[in-house]
Amino acid sequence: QETQAGNTTTIVLVMALIVAFLVLAAQYESWTSPVAAVIGLPVALLGAMIGCLVMGTPVSIYTQIGIILLVALSAKNGILIVAEGNSIRESAFEAGHVRLRPILMTSFAFVLGVMPLLFASGAGAQSRIALGAAVVFGMAMNTLLATVYIPNFYELMQKNPEKKFYSVGH
C-alpha cells in the first residue's frame, strides 16, 4: 500500500504546487510574481529532510503530508505587498521590511504550536513525530532563510517583464 501511495503523493504534491501557483497568479494578476512567492519551497523541503534526519524518522506518508502543508505555508511567507510608484528595488525592499514582522510572528507561532508533535509519546507517536519533524524543521528553515532572499528574487523576476514571457514564439 505504501508503494502504491508513493505515486499518488507525487501527483498530490504537483497538484498542490499548481493550485498554489494559480491562486497566487490570480491574486497578483501576473504569471511571474507567483514564482517569487513559491521559490521558498525548496528551502522548506530541505528543512523537512534535515528534520527527518535529525529526528531519525524515515520519510513516511506522514512526512509527505507535512511536505504538502509546507507548500501552502512557504507560499504564505513569500507573499509580498509591493508599494506602487517606487522602483522595483525600492518596492521589494519596502515589502520585505514591512512584511518581515508579520511573517516572523505567524511562522514562529506555527512552529511553536506544532512543536509538541516532536515530543510525542505513546500509541501513534512515530506518525506524529514524522509529521512534526517535517513541518517544524521545514517551516523554521523557510522562515530563517527564504524571507531573506525572496524580495531579491521578486526583484529579479520583475526585471524580466511579462511581455518577454508572452512574446516567446510570436
N, C-alpha and C. Protein backbone atom coordinates (compact mmCIF):
# COMPACT_ATOMS: atom_id res chain seq x y z
N GLN A 1 0.82 -1.19 0.00
CA GLN A 1 0.00 0.00 0.00
C GLN A 1 0.87 1.26 0.00
N GLU A 2 1.98 1.24 0.74
CA GLU A 2 2.85 2.42 0.80
C GLU A 2 3.52 2.67 -0.55
N THR A 3 3.87 1.59 -1.27
CA THR A 3 4.47 1.74 -2.60
C THR A 3 3.46 2.37 -3.56
N GLN A 4 2.21 1.92 -3.49
CA GLN A 4 1.17 2.50 -4.33
C GLN A 4 0.90 3.94 -3.95
N ALA A 5 0.96 4.26 -2.68
CA ALA A 5 0.71 5.63 -2.21
C ALA A 5 1.83 6.57 -2.64
N GLY A 6 3.03 6.05 -2.87
CA GLY A 6 4.15 6.89 -3.31
C GLY A 6 3.86 7.59 -4.62
N ASN A 7 3.20 6.90 -5.55
CA ASN A 7 2.84 7.51 -6.83
C ASN A 7 1.78 8.58 -6.65
N THR A 8 0.82 8.33 -5.78
CA THR A 8 -0.23 9.33 -5.56
C THR A 8 0.32 10.55 -4.85
N THR A 9 1.30 10.36 -3.99
CA THR A 9 1.87 11.50 -3.27
C THR A 9 2.53 12.47 -4.24
N THR A 10 3.21 11.95 -5.24
CA THR A 10 3.82 12.82 -6.25
C THR A 10 2.76 13.61 -6.99
N ILE A 11 1.69 12.95 -7.35
CA ILE A 11 0.60 13.63 -8.06
C ILE A 11 -0.02 14.71 -7.16
N VAL A 12 -0.24 14.38 -5.89
CA VAL A 12 -0.84 15.35 -4.96
C VAL A 12 0.09 16.54 -4.76
N LEU A 13 1.41 16.28 -4.65
CA LEU A 13 2.37 17.38 -4.48
C LEU A 13 2.38 18.29 -5.70
N VAL A 14 2.36 17.71 -6.88
CA VAL A 14 2.33 18.52 -8.11
C VAL A 14 1.03 19.32 -8.18
N MET A 15 -0.08 18.69 -7.83
CA MET A 15 -1.37 19.40 -7.84
C MET A 15 -1.37 20.54 -6.81
N ALA A 16 -0.78 20.32 -5.64
CA ALA A 16 -0.70 21.37 -4.62
C ALA A 16 0.13 22.55 -5.14
N LEU A 17 1.23 22.25 -5.82
CA LEU A 17 2.06 23.31 -6.40
C LEU A 17 1.29 24.09 -7.46
N ILE A 18 0.56 23.37 -8.31
CA ILE A 18 -0.20 24.04 -9.38
C ILE A 18 -1.30 24.92 -8.78
N VAL A 19 -2.03 24.40 -7.79
CA VAL A 19 -3.10 25.19 -7.17
C VAL A 19 -2.52 26.42 -6.49
N ALA A 20 -1.43 26.25 -5.74
CA ALA A 20 -0.80 27.40 -5.07
C ALA A 20 -0.35 28.43 -6.09
N PHE A 21 0.26 27.98 -7.18
CA PHE A 21 0.71 28.91 -8.22
C PHE A 21 -0.46 29.64 -8.86
N LEU A 22 -1.53 28.92 -9.20
CA LEU A 22 -2.68 29.55 -9.86
C LEU A 22 -3.41 30.52 -8.94
N VAL A 23 -3.53 30.19 -7.66
CA VAL A 23 -4.16 31.11 -6.72
C VAL A 23 -3.34 32.39 -6.59
N LEU A 24 -2.02 32.24 -6.50
CA LEU A 24 -1.15 33.42 -6.41
C LEU A 24 -1.17 34.21 -7.72
N ALA A 25 -1.24 33.52 -8.85
CA ALA A 25 -1.31 34.21 -10.14
C ALA A 25 -2.59 35.03 -10.24
N ALA A 26 -3.69 34.49 -9.73
CA ALA A 26 -4.95 35.24 -9.74
C ALA A 26 -4.87 36.42 -8.78
N GLN A 27 -4.23 36.22 -7.63
CA GLN A 27 -4.12 37.31 -6.65
C GLN A 27 -3.25 38.44 -7.18
N TYR A 28 -2.10 38.09 -7.77
CA TYR A 28 -1.17 39.10 -8.28
C TYR A 28 -1.55 39.61 -9.66
N GLU A 29 -2.43 38.88 -10.37
CA GLU A 29 -2.75 39.17 -11.76
C GLU A 29 -1.48 39.21 -12.59
N SER A 30 -0.64 38.21 -12.37
CA SER A 30 0.67 38.12 -13.01
C SER A 30 1.09 36.66 -13.05
N TRP A 31 1.86 36.30 -14.09
CA TRP A 31 2.38 34.94 -14.17
C TRP A 31 3.77 34.83 -13.58
N THR A 32 4.49 35.94 -13.43
CA THR A 32 5.86 35.86 -12.93
C THR A 32 5.96 36.11 -11.43
N SER A 33 5.11 36.93 -10.86
CA SER A 33 5.19 37.22 -9.43
C SER A 33 4.99 35.99 -8.54
N PRO A 34 4.09 35.06 -8.87
CA PRO A 34 3.94 33.88 -8.02
C PRO A 34 5.19 33.02 -7.95
N VAL A 35 6.01 33.07 -8.98
CA VAL A 35 7.25 32.29 -8.95
C VAL A 35 8.12 32.76 -7.78
N ALA A 36 8.17 34.06 -7.56
CA ALA A 36 8.96 34.60 -6.45
C ALA A 36 8.38 34.16 -5.11
N ALA A 37 7.06 34.02 -5.03
CA ALA A 37 6.44 33.62 -3.77
C ALA A 37 6.65 32.14 -3.47
N VAL A 38 6.68 31.32 -4.50
CA VAL A 38 6.79 29.87 -4.32
C VAL A 38 8.26 29.43 -4.23
N ILE A 39 9.19 30.32 -4.50
CA ILE A 39 10.60 29.94 -4.55
C ILE A 39 11.16 29.51 -3.20
N GLY A 40 10.45 29.80 -2.12
CA GLY A 40 10.91 29.38 -0.80
C GLY A 40 10.67 27.90 -0.52
N LEU A 41 9.91 27.23 -1.37
CA LEU A 41 9.58 25.83 -1.14
C LEU A 41 10.81 24.91 -1.10
N PRO A 42 11.79 25.05 -1.98
CA PRO A 42 12.95 24.16 -1.87
C PRO A 42 13.67 24.26 -0.52
N VAL A 43 13.71 25.45 0.04
CA VAL A 43 14.33 25.61 1.36
C VAL A 43 13.50 24.88 2.41
N ALA A 44 12.18 24.97 2.31
CA ALA A 44 11.31 24.27 3.25
C ALA A 44 11.47 22.75 3.11
N LEU A 45 11.59 22.27 1.88
CA LEU A 45 11.78 20.83 1.66
C LEU A 45 13.11 20.36 2.23
N LEU A 46 14.15 21.18 2.07
CA LEU A 46 15.45 20.85 2.65
C LEU A 46 15.34 20.78 4.17
N GLY A 47 14.64 21.72 4.76
CA GLY A 47 14.43 21.71 6.20
C GLY A 47 13.67 20.47 6.66
N ALA A 48 12.66 20.06 5.88
CA ALA A 48 11.89 18.86 6.23
C ALA A 48 12.78 17.62 6.20
N MET A 49 13.64 17.53 5.20
CA MET A 49 14.54 16.37 5.11
C MET A 49 15.57 16.38 6.24
N ILE A 50 16.09 17.55 6.56
CA ILE A 50 17.03 17.66 7.69
C ILE A 50 16.32 17.30 8.99
N GLY A 51 15.07 17.72 9.14
CA GLY A 51 14.30 17.38 10.33
C GLY A 51 14.11 15.88 10.48
N CYS A 52 13.82 15.19 9.39
CA CYS A 52 13.68 13.73 9.45
C CYS A 52 15.01 13.08 9.81
N LEU A 53 16.09 13.62 9.27
CA LEU A 53 17.41 13.09 9.58
C LEU A 53 17.76 13.29 11.06
N VAL A 54 17.52 14.50 11.55
CA VAL A 54 17.83 14.82 12.96
C VAL A 54 16.98 13.97 13.91
N MET A 55 15.70 13.82 13.60
CA MET A 55 14.80 13.08 14.48
C MET A 55 14.88 11.57 14.27
N GLY A 56 15.61 11.14 13.24
CA GLY A 56 15.78 9.71 12.99
C GLY A 56 14.52 9.03 12.49
N THR A 57 13.68 9.76 11.78
CA THR A 57 12.45 9.17 11.25
C THR A 57 12.58 9.00 9.74
N PRO A 58 12.04 7.92 9.20
CA PRO A 58 12.06 7.76 7.75
C PRO A 58 11.02 8.69 7.11
N VAL A 59 11.18 8.93 5.83
CA VAL A 59 10.20 9.74 5.10
C VAL A 59 8.99 8.84 4.85
N SER A 60 7.94 9.08 5.62
CA SER A 60 6.73 8.26 5.53
C SER A 60 5.61 9.07 4.91
N ILE A 61 4.43 8.47 4.89
CA ILE A 61 3.26 9.17 4.36
C ILE A 61 2.95 10.40 5.20
N TYR A 62 3.25 10.35 6.49
CA TYR A 62 3.01 11.50 7.37
C TYR A 62 3.97 12.64 7.05
N THR A 63 5.20 12.29 6.73
CA THR A 63 6.17 13.31 6.31
C THR A 63 5.71 13.94 5.00
N GLN A 64 5.20 13.12 4.10
CA GLN A 64 4.73 13.63 2.82
C GLN A 64 3.53 14.55 2.99
N ILE A 65 2.66 14.26 3.93
CA ILE A 65 1.54 15.16 4.23
C ILE A 65 2.08 16.49 4.75
N GLY A 66 3.10 16.43 5.61
CA GLY A 66 3.73 17.65 6.11
C GLY A 66 4.36 18.46 4.99
N ILE A 67 4.94 17.79 4.02
CA ILE A 67 5.55 18.49 2.88
C ILE A 67 4.48 19.21 2.07
N ILE A 68 3.33 18.59 1.89
CA ILE A 68 2.24 19.25 1.16
C ILE A 68 1.75 20.47 1.94
N LEU A 69 1.72 20.36 3.26
CA LEU A 69 1.37 21.50 4.10
C LEU A 69 2.39 22.63 3.92
N LEU A 70 3.66 22.26 3.76
CA LEU A 70 4.71 23.27 3.59
C LEU A 70 4.56 24.06 2.28
N VAL A 71 3.92 23.47 1.28
CA VAL A 71 3.68 24.20 0.02
C VAL A 71 2.90 25.48 0.31
N ALA A 72 1.81 25.33 1.05
CA ALA A 72 0.97 26.49 1.35
C ALA A 72 1.67 27.45 2.30
N LEU A 73 2.35 26.91 3.31
CA LEU A 73 2.99 27.78 4.30
C LEU A 73 4.17 28.54 3.72
N SER A 74 4.93 27.92 2.83
CA SER A 74 6.06 28.65 2.23
C SER A 74 5.55 29.69 1.24
N ALA A 75 4.45 29.41 0.56
CA ALA A 75 3.86 30.42 -0.33
C ALA A 75 3.34 31.60 0.49
N LYS A 76 2.78 31.32 1.67
CA LYS A 76 2.30 32.39 2.54
C LYS A 76 3.44 33.31 2.94
N ASN A 77 4.59 32.74 3.24
CA ASN A 77 5.74 33.56 3.60
C ASN A 77 6.27 34.36 2.43
N GLY A 78 6.05 33.89 1.22
CA GLY A 78 6.58 34.57 0.06
C GLY A 78 5.72 35.71 -0.47
N ILE A 79 4.51 35.84 0.04
CA ILE A 79 3.62 36.88 -0.46
C ILE A 79 4.17 38.25 -0.06
N LEU A 80 4.32 39.11 -1.03
CA LEU A 80 4.84 40.45 -0.78
C LEU A 80 3.78 41.49 -1.11
N ILE A 81 3.76 42.53 -0.33
CA ILE A 81 2.92 43.70 -0.65
C ILE A 81 3.87 44.70 -1.29
N VAL A 82 3.63 45.04 -2.53
CA VAL A 82 4.55 45.91 -3.24
C VAL A 82 3.98 47.32 -3.26
N ALA A 83 4.81 48.26 -2.87
CA ALA A 83 4.40 49.66 -2.88
C ALA A 83 4.46 50.18 -4.31
N GLU A 84 3.35 50.71 -4.79
CA GLU A 84 3.32 51.23 -6.15
C GLU A 84 3.96 52.60 -6.21
N GLY A 85 4.49 52.92 -7.36
CA GLY A 85 5.10 54.22 -7.57
C GLY A 85 6.58 54.25 -7.27
N ASN A 86 7.13 53.20 -6.71
CA ASN A 86 8.55 53.13 -6.42
C ASN A 86 9.24 52.27 -7.48
N SER A 87 10.56 52.32 -7.46
CA SER A 87 11.30 51.43 -8.35
C SER A 87 11.12 50.00 -7.86
N ILE A 88 11.50 49.05 -8.70
CA ILE A 88 11.35 47.65 -8.34
C ILE A 88 12.17 47.33 -7.10
N ARG A 89 13.39 47.81 -7.06
CA ARG A 89 14.27 47.54 -5.92
C ARG A 89 13.69 48.14 -4.64
N GLU A 90 13.24 49.40 -4.70
CA GLU A 90 12.67 50.04 -3.51
C GLU A 90 11.39 49.33 -3.06
N SER A 91 10.58 48.90 -4.04
CA SER A 91 9.34 48.18 -3.71
C SER A 91 9.63 46.86 -3.01
N ALA A 92 10.60 46.11 -3.55
CA ALA A 92 10.95 44.82 -2.95
C ALA A 92 11.53 45.02 -1.55
N PHE A 93 12.38 46.02 -1.39
CA PHE A 93 12.97 46.29 -0.08
C PHE A 93 11.90 46.70 0.92
N GLU A 94 11.03 47.60 0.51
CA GLU A 94 9.97 48.07 1.40
C GLU A 94 9.02 46.93 1.77
N ALA A 95 8.67 46.11 0.77
CA ALA A 95 7.78 44.98 1.04
C ALA A 95 8.43 43.99 2.00
N GLY A 96 9.72 43.70 1.79
CA GLY A 96 10.43 42.81 2.70
C GLY A 96 10.49 43.38 4.11
N HIS A 97 10.69 44.68 4.21
CA HIS A 97 10.77 45.34 5.52
C HIS A 97 9.41 45.34 6.22
N VAL A 98 8.36 45.68 5.50
CA VAL A 98 7.03 45.78 6.07
C VAL A 98 6.49 44.40 6.45
N ARG A 99 6.75 43.39 5.62
CA ARG A 99 6.19 42.06 5.85
C ARG A 99 7.02 41.18 6.79
N LEU A 100 8.23 41.61 7.16
CA LEU A 100 9.09 40.75 7.97
C LEU A 100 8.47 40.40 9.32
N ARG A 101 7.98 41.37 10.02
CA ARG A 101 7.42 41.13 11.36
C ARG A 101 6.20 40.20 11.30
N PRO A 102 5.20 40.45 10.43
CA PRO A 102 4.06 39.51 10.38
C PRO A 102 4.48 38.10 9.95
N ILE A 103 5.44 37.99 9.04
CA ILE A 103 5.89 36.67 8.62
C ILE A 103 6.54 35.95 9.79
N LEU A 104 7.42 36.64 10.51
CA LEU A 104 8.09 36.02 11.65
C LEU A 104 7.09 35.63 12.74
N MET A 105 6.14 36.50 13.01
CA MET A 105 5.16 36.21 14.07
C MET A 105 4.30 35.00 13.72
N THR A 106 3.76 34.95 12.52
CA THR A 106 2.89 33.82 12.16
C THR A 106 3.70 32.53 12.02
N SER A 107 4.91 32.63 11.49
CA SER A 107 5.71 31.43 11.31
C SER A 107 6.17 30.84 12.64
N PHE A 108 6.66 31.69 13.53
CA PHE A 108 7.10 31.17 14.82
C PHE A 108 5.91 30.69 15.66
N ALA A 109 4.76 31.32 15.53
CA ALA A 109 3.57 30.83 16.24
C ALA A 109 3.20 29.44 15.73
N PHE A 110 3.30 29.23 14.42
CA PHE A 110 3.01 27.91 13.87
C PHE A 110 4.03 26.88 14.35
N VAL A 111 5.31 27.23 14.25
CA VAL A 111 6.37 26.30 14.65
C VAL A 111 6.22 25.92 16.12
N LEU A 112 6.01 26.90 16.97
CA LEU A 112 5.85 26.61 18.40
C LEU A 112 4.56 25.84 18.67
N GLY A 113 3.53 26.08 17.86
CA GLY A 113 2.26 25.39 18.04
C GLY A 113 2.32 23.91 17.69
N VAL A 114 3.15 23.55 16.72
CA VAL A 114 3.25 22.14 16.33
C VAL A 114 4.47 21.45 16.96
N MET A 115 5.23 22.18 17.76
CA MET A 115 6.41 21.61 18.43
C MET A 115 6.07 20.39 19.29
N PRO A 116 4.91 20.33 19.97
CA PRO A 116 4.60 19.13 20.75
C PRO A 116 4.59 17.84 19.92
N LEU A 117 4.38 17.94 18.61
CA LEU A 117 4.42 16.74 17.77
C LEU A 117 5.80 16.08 17.82
N LEU A 118 6.85 16.88 17.97
CA LEU A 118 8.21 16.33 18.01
C LEU A 118 8.46 15.51 19.27
N PHE A 119 7.74 15.79 20.33
CA PHE A 119 7.98 15.15 21.62
C PHE A 119 6.86 14.19 21.99
N ALA A 120 6.16 13.67 20.98
CA ALA A 120 5.03 12.77 21.22
C ALA A 120 5.52 11.44 21.80
N SER A 121 4.65 10.83 22.57
CA SER A 121 4.93 9.50 23.10
C SER A 121 3.64 8.71 23.09
N GLY A 122 3.76 7.41 23.28
CA GLY A 122 2.57 6.57 23.33
C GLY A 122 2.20 6.03 21.96
N ALA A 123 0.96 5.55 21.88
CA ALA A 123 0.47 4.94 20.64
C ALA A 123 0.42 5.98 19.52
N GLY A 124 0.97 5.65 18.39
CA GLY A 124 0.95 6.55 17.24
C GLY A 124 1.97 7.66 17.30
N ALA A 125 2.91 7.57 18.22
CA ALA A 125 3.89 8.64 18.39
C ALA A 125 4.78 8.81 17.16
N GLN A 126 5.15 7.71 16.51
CA GLN A 126 6.04 7.81 15.36
C GLN A 126 5.41 8.59 14.21
N SER A 127 4.11 8.47 14.02
CA SER A 127 3.45 9.23 12.96
C SER A 127 3.43 10.72 13.29
N ARG A 128 3.20 11.05 14.54
CA ARG A 128 3.21 12.46 14.95
C ARG A 128 4.61 13.05 14.88
N ILE A 129 5.62 12.25 15.25
CA ILE A 129 7.00 12.73 15.17
C ILE A 129 7.40 12.96 13.72
N ALA A 130 7.00 12.06 12.82
CA ALA A 130 7.34 12.20 11.40
C ALA A 130 6.70 13.46 10.82
N LEU A 131 5.43 13.69 11.14
CA LEU A 131 4.75 14.90 10.67
C LEU A 131 5.37 16.14 11.29
N GLY A 132 5.62 16.09 12.59
CA GLY A 132 6.21 17.23 13.29
C GLY A 132 7.59 17.58 12.79
N ALA A 133 8.41 16.57 12.54
CA ALA A 133 9.78 16.83 12.04
C ALA A 133 9.73 17.56 10.71
N ALA A 134 8.83 17.14 9.83
CA ALA A 134 8.73 17.78 8.52
C ALA A 134 8.29 19.24 8.64
N VAL A 135 7.21 19.48 9.37
CA VAL A 135 6.67 20.84 9.40
C VAL A 135 7.47 21.78 10.29
N VAL A 136 7.98 21.30 11.42
CA VAL A 136 8.73 22.19 12.31
C VAL A 136 10.04 22.61 11.67
N PHE A 137 10.83 21.64 11.24
CA PHE A 137 12.12 21.98 10.65
C PHE A 137 11.97 22.66 9.29
N GLY A 138 11.00 22.22 8.48
CA GLY A 138 10.78 22.84 7.18
C GLY A 138 10.35 24.29 7.29
N MET A 139 9.41 24.55 8.20
CA MET A 139 8.93 25.93 8.36
C MET A 139 9.97 26.82 9.01
N ALA A 140 10.72 26.26 9.96
CA ALA A 140 11.77 27.05 10.61
C ALA A 140 12.85 27.45 9.60
N MET A 141 13.26 26.50 8.77
CA MET A 141 14.30 26.82 7.78
C MET A 141 13.76 27.80 6.74
N ASN A 142 12.51 27.61 6.33
CA ASN A 142 11.92 28.54 5.37
C ASN A 142 11.84 29.94 5.95
N THR A 143 11.47 30.04 7.20
CA THR A 143 11.34 31.36 7.85
C THR A 143 12.70 32.04 7.97
N LEU A 144 13.70 31.29 8.36
CA LEU A 144 15.01 31.89 8.60
C LEU A 144 15.78 32.21 7.32
N LEU A 145 15.63 31.40 6.28
CA LEU A 145 16.42 31.62 5.07
C LEU A 145 15.64 32.26 3.92
N ALA A 146 14.45 31.74 3.65
CA ALA A 146 13.72 32.21 2.47
C ALA A 146 13.27 33.66 2.59
N THR A 147 12.94 34.12 3.79
CA THR A 147 12.50 35.51 3.93
C THR A 147 13.60 36.50 3.58
N VAL A 148 14.84 36.02 3.59
CA VAL A 148 15.96 36.90 3.25
C VAL A 148 16.08 37.08 1.73
N TYR A 149 15.91 35.98 0.98
CA TYR A 149 16.17 36.10 -0.46
C TYR A 149 14.93 36.23 -1.33
N ILE A 150 13.73 36.05 -0.80
CA ILE A 150 12.53 36.18 -1.63
C ILE A 150 12.36 37.60 -2.19
N PRO A 151 12.57 38.68 -1.40
CA PRO A 151 12.48 40.02 -2.01
C PRO A 151 13.49 40.21 -3.15
N ASN A 152 14.68 39.63 -3.02
CA ASN A 152 15.67 39.73 -4.10
C ASN A 152 15.21 38.96 -5.33
N PHE A 153 14.63 37.80 -5.12
CA PHE A 153 14.14 37.03 -6.24
C PHE A 153 12.95 37.71 -6.90
N TYR A 154 12.11 38.37 -6.09
CA TYR A 154 10.99 39.13 -6.65
C TYR A 154 11.52 40.23 -7.56
N GLU A 155 12.57 40.91 -7.11
CA GLU A 155 13.17 41.97 -7.93
C GLU A 155 13.69 41.40 -9.24
N LEU A 156 14.34 40.25 -9.17
CA LEU A 156 14.86 39.60 -10.37
C LEU A 156 13.73 39.24 -11.34
N MET A 157 12.63 38.72 -10.80
CA MET A 157 11.50 38.33 -11.66
C MET A 157 10.84 39.55 -12.29
N GLN A 158 10.79 40.68 -11.58
CA GLN A 158 10.16 41.87 -12.12
C GLN A 158 11.02 42.58 -13.16
N LYS A 159 12.31 42.35 -13.14
CA LYS A 159 13.18 42.95 -14.14
C LYS A 159 13.00 42.31 -15.50
N ASN A 160 12.44 41.12 -15.53
CA ASN A 160 12.12 40.44 -16.78
C ASN A 160 10.63 40.62 -17.03
N PRO A 161 10.28 41.63 -17.81
CA PRO A 161 8.85 41.95 -18.00
C PRO A 161 8.08 40.77 -18.58
N GLU A 162 6.81 40.74 -18.25
CA GLU A 162 5.96 39.65 -18.72
C GLU A 162 5.78 39.67 -20.22
N LYS A 163 5.97 40.82 -20.86
CA LYS A 163 5.82 40.83 -22.32
C LYS A 163 6.86 39.93 -22.97
N LYS A 164 8.03 39.78 -22.34
CA LYS A 164 9.01 38.81 -22.84
C LYS A 164 8.46 37.40 -22.70
N PHE A 165 7.75 37.16 -21.59
CA PHE A 165 7.16 35.86 -21.33
C PHE A 165 6.11 35.54 -22.39
N TYR A 166 5.28 36.52 -22.72
CA TYR A 166 4.21 36.31 -23.68
C TYR A 166 4.71 36.30 -25.11
N SER A 167 5.82 36.99 -25.39
CA SER A 167 6.27 37.11 -26.77
C SER A 167 7.10 35.91 -27.24
N VAL A 168 7.32 34.93 -26.37
CA VAL A 168 8.09 33.76 -26.78
C VAL A 168 7.32 33.03 -27.85
N GLY A 169 7.95 32.83 -28.99
CA GLY A 169 7.33 32.10 -30.09
C GLY A 169 6.44 32.95 -30.98
N HIS A 170 6.31 34.24 -30.75
CA HIS A 170 5.45 35.08 -31.59
C HIS A 170 6.28 35.80 -32.61
